[in-house]
Amino acid sequence: MGLSLVLSACNPDDPNKLLGGPPANGGKPCPPSLGGEGGSTASTTVGNGGSGGDPTTTSGGTTGGGEVKTVLDERIVSYSEALRTASLKLVGKLPKNDEIEGIRSAADPKQVYETFVDQYMASPRFAAVMIDYWKNTFRSGAMAANEAPNRNNAPLFAAKVTVEGSDYRQLFTATSGTCPTFDPAAGTFTPVDCANGPAAAPAAGVLTDAGLMAQYASALAFRRVRFIQETFSCRKMPAEYRATPEPKGGGFYTSPWPFESIGGAANGGRVDFLDYSSTICANCHGSMNHRAPLFAAYDDAGKYVEPVAGMDGILEFSATVPIDGNPKVKQSDYLPPGETTAFKFGEPAANLLEFGQRMAADDEVARCAVVRVWNYALSKGDAVYDLADVPDSVIAPLVTQFKTNYNLREIIRAAFVHDDFVRY
């Protein structure tokens, strides 16, 4: 029972659910067919009103046996349509009719449209929208006034970095000003320091935020690890892969970490992550177990509690192990003697500030930030849970631009004036 709860951190459900729910597809291992069964298709038809003619589709299936047509290349630029979406996404309201008509009649509608985008992003409403953007991204936010810990702090800090055009990497590396206040009338932020632990645990942007640590508290702190991975890398666990899978036990071991580098019954751990009959567990935990001790020092209320050595001399943390008595987790439950915490294989991190610095230098983290902005602009859903990743051929120029200065505000503008965004 305990192991099944621990390994729930690898399951595909939303990490904000403690126990998950019934499969959306009735327990079937694969999604519904995208065509080829009895002539059916998951394509989107355009026109017809459902009649049995020769519909235009957006995919490679057919519904009436006729020639396949696509609509993506038939889209035309419509700045008036783009303005409706941009206004809703950037300031949370629809544009006025005269603004829409003004674009339609303008000699240079592109210039007029981009002027509106710039005006929206200069509005106080843009700051409020960005707070909501980050609340949705973090799946967290204050539920009541004066709640403790304050779950608004992390979204406010992320919004501050975004709106002010600051370096996005501050989300993982900032050591001060990470609990700002917000003036909605002016759309401005005032930096305030958080109080969450001694000097031994320096602040590290949102990684040390008490609200997020409380929101994602769990046995062995694995939900916190999973939240950081999926939110900022846009990938489910496993987080890392070796070049060539290694046959082991009843399957293949794919993690770059040595199999024996994590805790198990054979080396002092109380949860057997080294189960040879199910090596798929170690594929996730190779990364998770090297990260989790950094997050396990935070208690269920999100407060940092300095780890102390137990009677056996092994460090004990605030998180617990889901076995009889719910004892505090020990370093040996995660890692055998000699192993140290890390962001990825070959990238050691002794504390969350070092962990955040590793994240700040990671290409996957930079790409994920751009993917989330792109999907927000084009209403594509979450990159992880909606399987809405974006091809590199589409966003590579934006990723390259982002990595020149890590200014997410500029990427937001670039997405909303992009050729794909203004075509309908």
Protein backbone atom coordinates (compact mmCIF):
# COMPACT_ATOMS: atom_id res chain seq x y z
CA MET A 1 0.00 0.00 0.00
CA GLY A 2 2.74 2.46 0.95
CA LEU A 3 4.65 1.87 -2.27
CA SER A 4 1.55 2.40 -4.40
CA LEU A 5 1.00 5.78 -2.77
CA VAL A 6 4.62 6.75 -3.25
CA LEU A 7 4.61 5.81 -6.92
CA SER A 8 1.45 7.82 -7.56
CA ALA A 9 3.84 10.67 -8.29
CA CYS A 10 4.54 8.89 -11.60
CA ASN A 11 0.89 8.52 -12.62
CA PRO A 12 -0.68 10.65 -15.39
CA ASP A 13 -3.25 12.44 -13.25
CA ASP A 14 -3.17 16.13 -12.44
CA PRO A 15 -0.70 16.51 -9.51
CA ASN A 16 -3.23 18.73 -7.77
CA LYS A 17 -5.38 15.64 -7.21
CA LEU A 18 -4.34 13.52 -4.25
CA LEU A 19 -5.73 10.22 -5.45
CA GLY A 20 -6.61 10.84 -9.09
CA GLY A 21 -9.85 9.63 -10.60
CA PRO A 22 -11.28 7.18 -13.11
CA PRO A 23 -9.49 7.15 -16.48
CA ALA A 24 -10.99 9.59 -18.96
CA ASN A 25 -11.02 6.82 -21.56
CA GLY A 26 -12.68 4.11 -19.52
CA GLY A 27 -9.42 2.42 -18.64
CA LYS A 28 -8.40 1.78 -22.25
CA PRO A 29 -4.66 2.03 -22.80
CA CYS A 30 -4.94 4.15 -25.93
CA PRO A 31 -6.94 7.27 -26.91
CA PRO A 32 -9.98 6.98 -29.16
CA SER A 33 -9.20 6.17 -32.77
CA LEU A 34 -8.40 9.08 -35.03
CA GLY A 35 -9.91 7.41 -38.04
CA GLY A 36 -9.96 4.13 -39.95
CA GLU A 37 -12.76 2.42 -38.03
CA GLY A 38 -15.91 2.19 -40.03
CA GLY A 39 -15.04 5.38 -41.87
CA SER A 40 -15.23 7.44 -38.68
CA THR A 41 -12.86 10.27 -37.91
CA ALA A 42 -12.02 12.74 -35.21
CA SER A 43 -11.67 15.52 -37.75
CA THR A 44 -13.28 18.90 -37.38
CA THR A 45 -15.72 19.64 -40.17
CA VAL A 46 -16.23 23.12 -41.51
CA GLY A 47 -19.51 24.24 -43.04
CA ASN A 48 -22.24 21.76 -44.04
CA GLY A 49 -24.12 21.93 -40.78
CA GLY A 50 -23.54 18.20 -40.45
CA SER A 51 -24.87 17.29 -43.89
CA GLY A 52 -23.49 14.30 -45.74
CA GLY A 53 -21.58 16.19 -48.42
CA ASP A 54 -17.83 16.46 -48.86
CA PRO A 55 -16.69 18.28 -45.75
CA THR A 56 -13.49 20.19 -45.39
CA THR A 57 -11.40 18.68 -42.60
CA THR A 58 -8.47 19.70 -40.46
CA SER A 59 -6.90 16.23 -40.39
CA GLY A 60 -6.11 13.33 -42.65
CA GLY A 61 -9.42 11.45 -42.22
CA THR A 62 -12.52 11.57 -44.39
CA THR A 63 -16.17 11.30 -43.50
CA GLY A 64 -17.88 11.06 -46.86
CA GLY A 65 -15.37 9.11 -48.91
CA GLY A 66 -14.37 12.22 -50.87
CA GLU A 67 -10.98 13.79 -51.39
CA VAL A 68 -9.24 15.00 -48.25
CA LYS A 69 -8.92 18.77 -47.90
CA THR A 70 -7.13 20.81 -45.29
CA VAL A 71 -7.96 24.25 -43.97
CA LEU A 72 -4.71 25.32 -42.34
CA ASP A 73 -3.26 26.67 -45.58
CA GLU A 74 -6.56 28.31 -46.46
CA ARG A 75 -6.56 30.58 -43.44
CA ILE A 76 -6.42 34.28 -44.13
CA VAL A 77 -5.03 37.11 -42.04
CA SER A 78 -7.77 38.80 -40.02
CA TYR A 79 -6.51 41.43 -37.61
CA SER A 80 -10.04 42.21 -36.47
CA GLU A 81 -10.57 38.60 -35.38
CA ALA A 82 -7.12 38.53 -33.80
CA LEU A 83 -7.96 41.66 -31.83
CA ARG A 84 -10.89 39.94 -30.13
CA THR A 85 -8.72 37.12 -28.85
CA ALA A 86 -5.76 39.33 -28.00
CA SER A 87 -7.95 41.68 -25.99
CA LEU A 88 -9.47 38.82 -23.99
CA LYS A 89 -6.10 37.16 -23.38
CA LEU A 90 -4.12 40.30 -22.54
CA VAL A 91 -6.58 42.51 -20.64
CA GLY A 92 -9.55 40.23 -19.97
CA LYS A 93 -12.18 42.10 -21.96
CA LEU A 94 -13.52 42.34 -25.51
CA PRO A 95 -12.51 45.25 -27.74
CA LYS A 96 -15.01 47.94 -28.64
CA ASN A 97 -16.87 47.70 -31.95
CA ASP A 98 -15.30 50.90 -33.25
CA GLU A 99 -11.84 49.47 -32.53
CA ILE A 100 -12.66 46.37 -34.57
CA GLU A 101 -14.12 48.43 -37.41
CA GLY A 102 -11.13 50.75 -37.25
CA ILE A 103 -8.81 47.85 -38.01
CA ARG A 104 -10.99 46.66 -40.88
CA SER A 105 -10.92 50.08 -42.54
CA ALA A 106 -7.29 50.94 -41.75
CA ALA A 107 -4.78 51.45 -44.54
CA ASP A 108 -2.29 49.41 -42.50
CA PRO A 109 -4.33 47.05 -40.27
CA LYS A 110 -1.18 45.25 -39.08
CA GLN A 111 0.25 48.43 -37.61
CA VAL A 112 -3.05 49.34 -35.97
CA TYR A 113 -3.40 45.84 -34.51
CA GLU A 114 0.12 45.81 -33.09
CA THR A 115 -0.47 49.24 -31.58
CA PHE A 116 -3.48 47.82 -29.74
CA VAL A 117 -1.37 44.88 -28.50
CA ASP A 118 1.21 47.31 -27.12
CA GLN A 119 -1.51 49.38 -25.46
CA TYR A 120 -3.00 46.27 -23.86
CA MET A 121 0.38 45.21 -22.49
CA ALA A 122 0.93 48.70 -21.06
CA SER A 123 -2.41 48.59 -19.24
CA PRO A 124 -2.77 47.81 -15.51
CA ARG A 125 -5.22 45.12 -16.57
CA PHE A 126 -2.37 43.22 -18.23
CA ALA A 127 -0.67 42.81 -14.86
CA ALA A 128 -3.87 41.42 -13.33
CA VAL A 129 -4.26 38.99 -16.24
CA MET A 130 -0.69 37.79 -15.78
CA ILE A 131 -1.40 37.06 -12.12
CA ASP A 132 -4.28 34.86 -13.25
CA TYR A 133 -2.04 33.28 -15.88
CA TRP A 134 0.44 32.21 -13.23
CA LYS A 135 -2.27 31.10 -10.80
CA ASN A 136 -3.57 28.81 -13.52
CA THR A 137 -0.08 27.64 -14.41
CA PHE A 138 0.77 26.86 -10.79
CA ARG A 139 -2.75 25.53 -10.06
CA SER A 140 -2.52 27.54 -6.88
CA GLY A 141 -3.82 30.74 -5.37
CA ALA A 142 -5.27 32.16 -2.16
CA MET A 143 -8.67 30.74 -1.24
CA ALA A 144 -9.38 33.24 1.54
CA ALA A 145 -8.08 36.53 2.88
CA ASN A 146 -5.18 36.26 5.32
CA GLU A 147 -4.77 32.53 4.78
CA ALA A 148 -1.46 31.04 5.85
CA PRO A 149 0.66 30.32 4.00
CA ASN A 150 -0.26 32.84 1.32
CA ARG A 151 -0.72 30.94 -1.92
CA ASN A 152 -0.76 34.18 -3.91
CA ASN A 153 2.91 34.95 -3.34
CA ALA A 154 4.36 32.70 -6.04
CA PRO A 155 1.88 33.80 -8.77
CA LEU A 156 2.46 37.44 -7.80
CA PHE A 157 6.23 37.08 -8.04
CA ALA A 158 6.05 35.26 -11.37
CA ALA A 159 3.68 37.93 -12.70
CA LYS A 160 6.02 40.67 -11.47
CA VAL A 161 8.94 39.13 -13.35
CA THR A 162 6.78 38.78 -16.46
CA VAL A 163 5.14 42.21 -16.48
CA GLU A 164 8.36 44.09 -15.69
CA GLY A 165 10.27 42.24 -18.40
CA SER A 166 12.78 40.95 -15.88
CA ASP A 167 14.95 37.88 -16.33
CA TYR A 168 12.64 34.83 -16.28
CA ARG A 169 15.35 32.84 -14.53
CA GLN A 170 14.67 34.84 -11.38
CA LEU A 171 11.78 32.45 -10.83
CA PHE A 172 14.43 29.93 -9.72
CA THR A 173 17.32 32.10 -8.56
CA ALA A 174 15.96 35.24 -6.84
CA THR A 175 17.07 35.46 -3.22
CA SER A 176 14.97 38.47 -2.20
CA GLY A 177 11.72 40.25 -3.04
CA THR A 178 9.89 37.02 -3.83
CA CYS A 179 6.69 37.84 -1.90
CA PRO A 180 5.62 41.10 -3.59
CA THR A 181 2.46 43.11 -3.08
CA PHE A 182 0.28 44.27 -5.99
CA ASP A 183 -1.53 47.55 -6.66
CA PRO A 184 -4.34 46.66 -9.11
CA ALA A 185 -5.18 50.29 -9.88
CA ALA A 186 -1.66 51.03 -11.08
CA GLY A 187 -0.80 47.50 -12.17
CA THR A 188 2.48 47.67 -10.26
CA PHE A 189 4.31 45.41 -7.84
CA THR A 190 6.36 46.19 -4.74
CA PRO A 191 9.03 43.63 -3.79
CA VAL A 192 8.82 42.15 -0.30
CA ASP A 193 11.02 39.44 1.18
CA CYS A 194 9.51 36.14 2.22
CA ALA A 195 10.20 34.69 5.64
CA ASN A 196 10.61 30.97 5.13
CA GLY A 197 13.60 29.46 6.84
CA PRO A 198 17.08 30.18 8.17
CA ALA A 199 20.16 31.22 6.24
CA ALA A 200 20.92 27.54 5.71
CA ALA A 201 18.01 27.49 3.26
CA PRO A 202 18.42 30.58 1.06
CA ALA A 203 15.45 31.74 -0.98
CA ALA A 204 15.34 30.43 -4.54
CA GLY A 205 12.52 32.20 -6.35
CA VAL A 206 9.29 30.21 -6.31
CA LEU A 207 11.11 26.97 -5.47
CA THR A 208 11.14 27.90 -1.79
CA ASP A 209 7.68 29.49 -1.73
CA ALA A 210 5.69 28.39 1.33
CA GLY A 211 2.39 28.49 -0.55
CA LEU A 212 3.58 26.14 -3.26
CA MET A 213 5.28 23.86 -0.75
CA ALA A 214 1.98 23.61 1.16
CA GLN A 215 -0.10 23.22 -2.00
CA TYR A 216 1.97 20.24 -3.14
CA ALA A 217 2.79 18.64 0.21
CA SER A 218 2.80 14.84 0.15
CA ALA A 219 4.52 11.77 1.49
CA LEU A 220 8.23 11.84 0.61
CA ALA A 221 7.71 15.28 -1.04
CA PHE A 222 7.29 13.64 -4.43
CA ARG A 223 4.33 15.82 -5.45
CA ARG A 224 6.55 18.89 -5.06
CA VAL A 225 9.18 17.29 -7.28
CA ARG A 226 6.59 16.38 -9.86
CA PHE A 227 5.03 19.85 -9.81
CA ILE A 228 8.38 21.54 -10.48
CA GLN A 229 9.22 19.07 -13.24
CA GLU A 230 5.93 19.34 -15.12
CA THR A 231 5.40 23.07 -14.63
CA PHE A 232 8.85 24.22 -15.69
CA SER A 233 10.04 21.43 -18.01
CA CYS A 234 6.68 20.59 -19.65
CA ARG A 235 7.44 16.89 -19.37
CA LYS A 236 6.08 14.14 -17.17
CA MET A 237 8.35 11.82 -15.30
CA PRO A 238 10.68 10.17 -16.25
CA ALA A 239 12.65 13.41 -16.50
CA GLU A 240 15.80 11.87 -17.96
CA TYR A 241 16.72 9.06 -20.34
CA ARG A 242 19.90 7.17 -21.08
CA ALA A 243 21.04 6.80 -24.68
CA THR A 244 20.47 3.02 -24.72
CA PRO A 245 17.86 1.35 -22.48
CA GLU A 246 19.30 -1.41 -20.30
CA PRO A 247 17.40 -4.72 -19.99
CA LYS A 248 16.82 -5.31 -16.30
CA GLY A 249 14.41 -7.49 -14.39
CA GLY A 250 11.02 -7.51 -16.04
CA GLY A 251 11.66 -4.56 -18.33
CA PHE A 252 14.09 -1.90 -19.45
CA TYR A 253 15.91 0.60 -17.28
CA THR A 254 16.03 3.98 -19.04
CA SER A 255 17.36 6.45 -16.45
CA PRO A 256 20.94 7.74 -16.85
CA TRP A 257 21.47 7.27 -13.10
CA PRO A 258 23.12 4.00 -12.02
CA PHE A 259 20.38 1.64 -10.91
CA GLU A 260 21.88 1.24 -7.44
CA SER A 261 22.13 5.02 -6.91
CA ILE A 262 18.69 5.19 -5.26
CA GLY A 263 17.35 3.76 -2.03
CA GLY A 264 15.90 0.31 -1.64
CA ALA A 265 15.53 -2.61 0.73
CA ALA A 266 19.04 -3.79 -0.12
CA ASN A 267 20.80 -0.56 0.89
CA GLY A 268 18.88 0.77 3.88
CA GLY A 269 15.75 2.29 2.37
CA ARG A 270 12.29 1.60 3.74
CA VAL A 271 10.64 1.77 0.31
CA ASP A 272 12.04 -0.59 -2.30
CA PHE A 273 12.66 1.62 -5.32
CA LEU A 274 15.14 -1.04 -6.49
CA ASP A 275 12.49 -3.67 -7.17
CA TYR A 276 13.94 -5.77 -10.01
CA SER A 277 10.51 -7.13 -10.87
CA SER A 278 9.34 -3.63 -11.80
CA THR A 279 12.31 -1.56 -12.94
CA ILE A 280 9.93 0.94 -14.50
CA CYS A 281 9.61 2.46 -11.00
CA ALA A 282 13.31 3.26 -10.91
CA ASN A 283 13.03 4.99 -14.29
CA CYS A 284 11.18 7.82 -12.55
CA HIS A 285 12.88 7.60 -9.20
CA GLY A 286 16.40 7.86 -10.56
CA SER A 287 15.66 11.56 -10.96
CA MET A 288 13.01 11.97 -8.27
CA ASN A 289 15.06 10.52 -5.42
CA HIS A 290 18.01 12.80 -6.19
CA ARG A 291 15.69 15.83 -6.10
CA ALA A 292 13.20 15.07 -3.35
CA PRO A 293 15.45 15.54 -0.28
CA LEU A 294 15.76 19.23 -1.20
CA PHE A 295 11.98 19.63 -0.95
CA ALA A 296 11.41 17.25 1.98
CA ALA A 297 12.63 19.80 4.54
CA TYR A 298 9.36 21.76 4.15
CA ASP A 299 6.50 20.68 6.39
CA ASP A 300 2.87 20.33 5.32
CA ALA A 301 2.30 24.05 5.97
CA GLY A 302 5.16 24.91 3.62
CA LYS A 303 7.53 26.03 6.36
CA TYR A 304 11.21 25.17 6.12
CA VAL A 305 12.38 23.02 9.04
CA GLU A 306 16.10 22.38 9.30
CA PRO A 307 16.81 18.63 8.87
CA VAL A 308 18.41 16.98 11.88
CA ALA A 309 20.33 13.75 12.31
CA GLY A 310 18.39 10.94 13.95
CA MET A 311 19.64 8.40 16.48
CA ASP A 312 21.35 6.53 13.64
CA GLY A 313 23.14 9.66 12.46
CA ILE A 314 21.11 9.88 9.24
CA LEU A 315 19.33 13.13 8.37
CA GLU A 316 15.59 13.23 8.96
CA PHE A 317 13.24 15.61 7.13
CA SER A 318 9.75 17.02 7.69
CA ALA A 319 8.07 14.86 5.03
CA THR A 320 6.92 11.39 6.04
CA VAL A 321 7.08 7.85 4.65
CA PRO A 322 3.69 6.20 3.89
CA ILE A 323 4.30 3.13 6.04
CA ASP A 324 3.04 2.13 9.49
CA GLY A 325 3.41 5.05 11.87
CA ASN A 326 4.16 7.58 9.10
CA PRO A 327 7.73 8.12 10.28
CA LYS A 328 9.77 11.05 9.07
CA VAL A 329 11.65 10.35 5.87
CA LYS A 330 15.39 9.80 6.11
CA GLN A 331 18.08 10.57 3.55
CA SER A 332 18.64 6.80 3.29
CA ASP A 333 15.06 6.30 2.10
CA TYR A 334 15.95 8.28 -1.02
CA LEU A 335 19.65 7.62 -1.57
CA PRO A 336 22.32 5.20 -0.36
CA PRO A 337 25.46 6.51 1.39
CA GLY A 338 27.69 8.53 -0.91
CA GLU A 339 24.92 9.77 -3.21
CA THR A 340 24.14 13.49 -3.25
CA THR A 341 21.17 15.55 -4.37
CA ALA A 342 21.09 16.86 -7.93
CA PHE A 343 18.93 18.48 -10.61
CA LYS A 344 19.94 15.97 -13.27
CA PHE A 345 22.58 13.30 -13.72
CA GLY A 346 25.95 15.03 -13.60
CA GLU A 347 24.42 18.27 -12.24
CA PRO A 348 24.73 18.18 -8.42
CA ALA A 349 22.78 20.64 -6.28
CA ALA A 350 23.37 20.88 -2.54
CA ASN A 351 20.36 23.14 -1.89
CA LEU A 352 17.40 24.64 -3.72
CA LEU A 353 19.33 27.74 -4.76
CA GLU A 354 21.88 25.57 -6.54
CA PHE A 355 18.99 23.51 -7.91
CA GLY A 356 17.39 26.69 -9.25
CA GLN A 357 20.65 27.78 -10.84
CA ARG A 358 20.77 24.43 -12.64
CA MET A 359 17.21 24.97 -13.83
CA ALA A 360 18.07 28.46 -15.04
CA ALA A 361 20.75 27.02 -17.32
CA ASP A 362 18.57 24.19 -18.67
CA ASP A 363 17.43 24.40 -22.31
CA GLU A 364 14.32 22.34 -21.61
CA VAL A 365 13.19 24.84 -18.97
CA ALA A 366 13.63 27.74 -21.40
CA ARG A 367 11.69 25.93 -24.11
CA CYS A 368 8.87 25.11 -21.70
CA ALA A 369 8.37 28.79 -20.84
CA VAL A 370 7.88 29.58 -24.53
CA VAL A 371 5.57 26.60 -25.07
CA ARG A 372 3.30 27.74 -22.24
CA VAL A 373 3.05 31.27 -23.66
CA TRP A 374 2.36 29.93 -27.16
CA ASN A 375 -0.34 27.58 -25.94
CA TYR A 376 -1.93 30.37 -23.89
CA ALA A 377 -2.08 32.66 -26.91
CA LEU A 378 -3.45 30.01 -29.25
CA SER A 379 -5.71 28.33 -26.65
CA LYS A 380 -4.00 24.97 -27.10
CA GLY A 381 -4.27 23.83 -23.50
CA ASP A 382 -1.62 22.53 -21.13
CA ALA A 383 1.53 21.11 -22.70
CA VAL A 384 1.62 18.23 -20.21
CA TYR A 385 -1.96 17.24 -19.41
CA ASP A 386 -3.54 18.08 -22.77
CA LEU A 387 -0.62 16.63 -24.73
CA ALA A 388 -0.31 20.03 -26.36
CA ASP A 389 3.38 20.21 -27.08
CA VAL A 390 4.48 22.51 -29.90
CA PRO A 391 6.79 21.38 -32.73
CA ASP A 392 10.25 22.91 -32.70
CA SER A 393 9.66 23.98 -36.30
CA VAL A 394 6.99 26.35 -34.97
CA ILE A 395 8.57 27.84 -31.86
CA ALA A 396 12.31 27.47 -32.46
CA PRO A 397 12.67 31.16 -33.45
CA LEU A 398 10.83 32.22 -30.28
CA VAL A 399 12.99 29.97 -28.12
CA THR A 400 16.12 31.43 -29.70
CA GLN A 401 14.80 34.95 -29.07
CA PHE A 402 13.89 34.09 -25.47
CA LYS A 403 17.35 32.76 -24.67
CA THR A 404 18.99 36.04 -25.68
CA ASN A 405 17.64 37.84 -22.60
CA TYR A 406 14.99 35.59 -20.94
CA ASN A 407 12.39 38.37 -21.23
CA LEU A 408 9.05 36.55 -21.19
CA ARG A 409 7.13 39.78 -21.80
CA GLU A 410 8.76 40.06 -25.23
CA ILE A 411 7.79 36.47 -26.03
CA ILE A 412 4.17 37.19 -25.08
CA ARG A 413 4.12 40.09 -27.53
CA ALA A 414 5.82 38.00 -30.20
CA ALA A 415 3.19 35.28 -29.84
CA PHE A 416 0.27 37.70 -30.13
CA VAL A 417 1.63 39.34 -33.30
CA HIS A 418 2.83 36.06 -34.83
CA ASP A 419 1.57 35.16 -38.30
CA ASP A 420 -0.06 32.00 -36.97
CA PHE A 421 -1.99 33.97 -34.36
CA VAL A 422 -3.52 36.47 -36.79
CA ARG A 423 -4.66 33.85 -39.34
CA TYR A 424 -8.21 32.48 -39.21
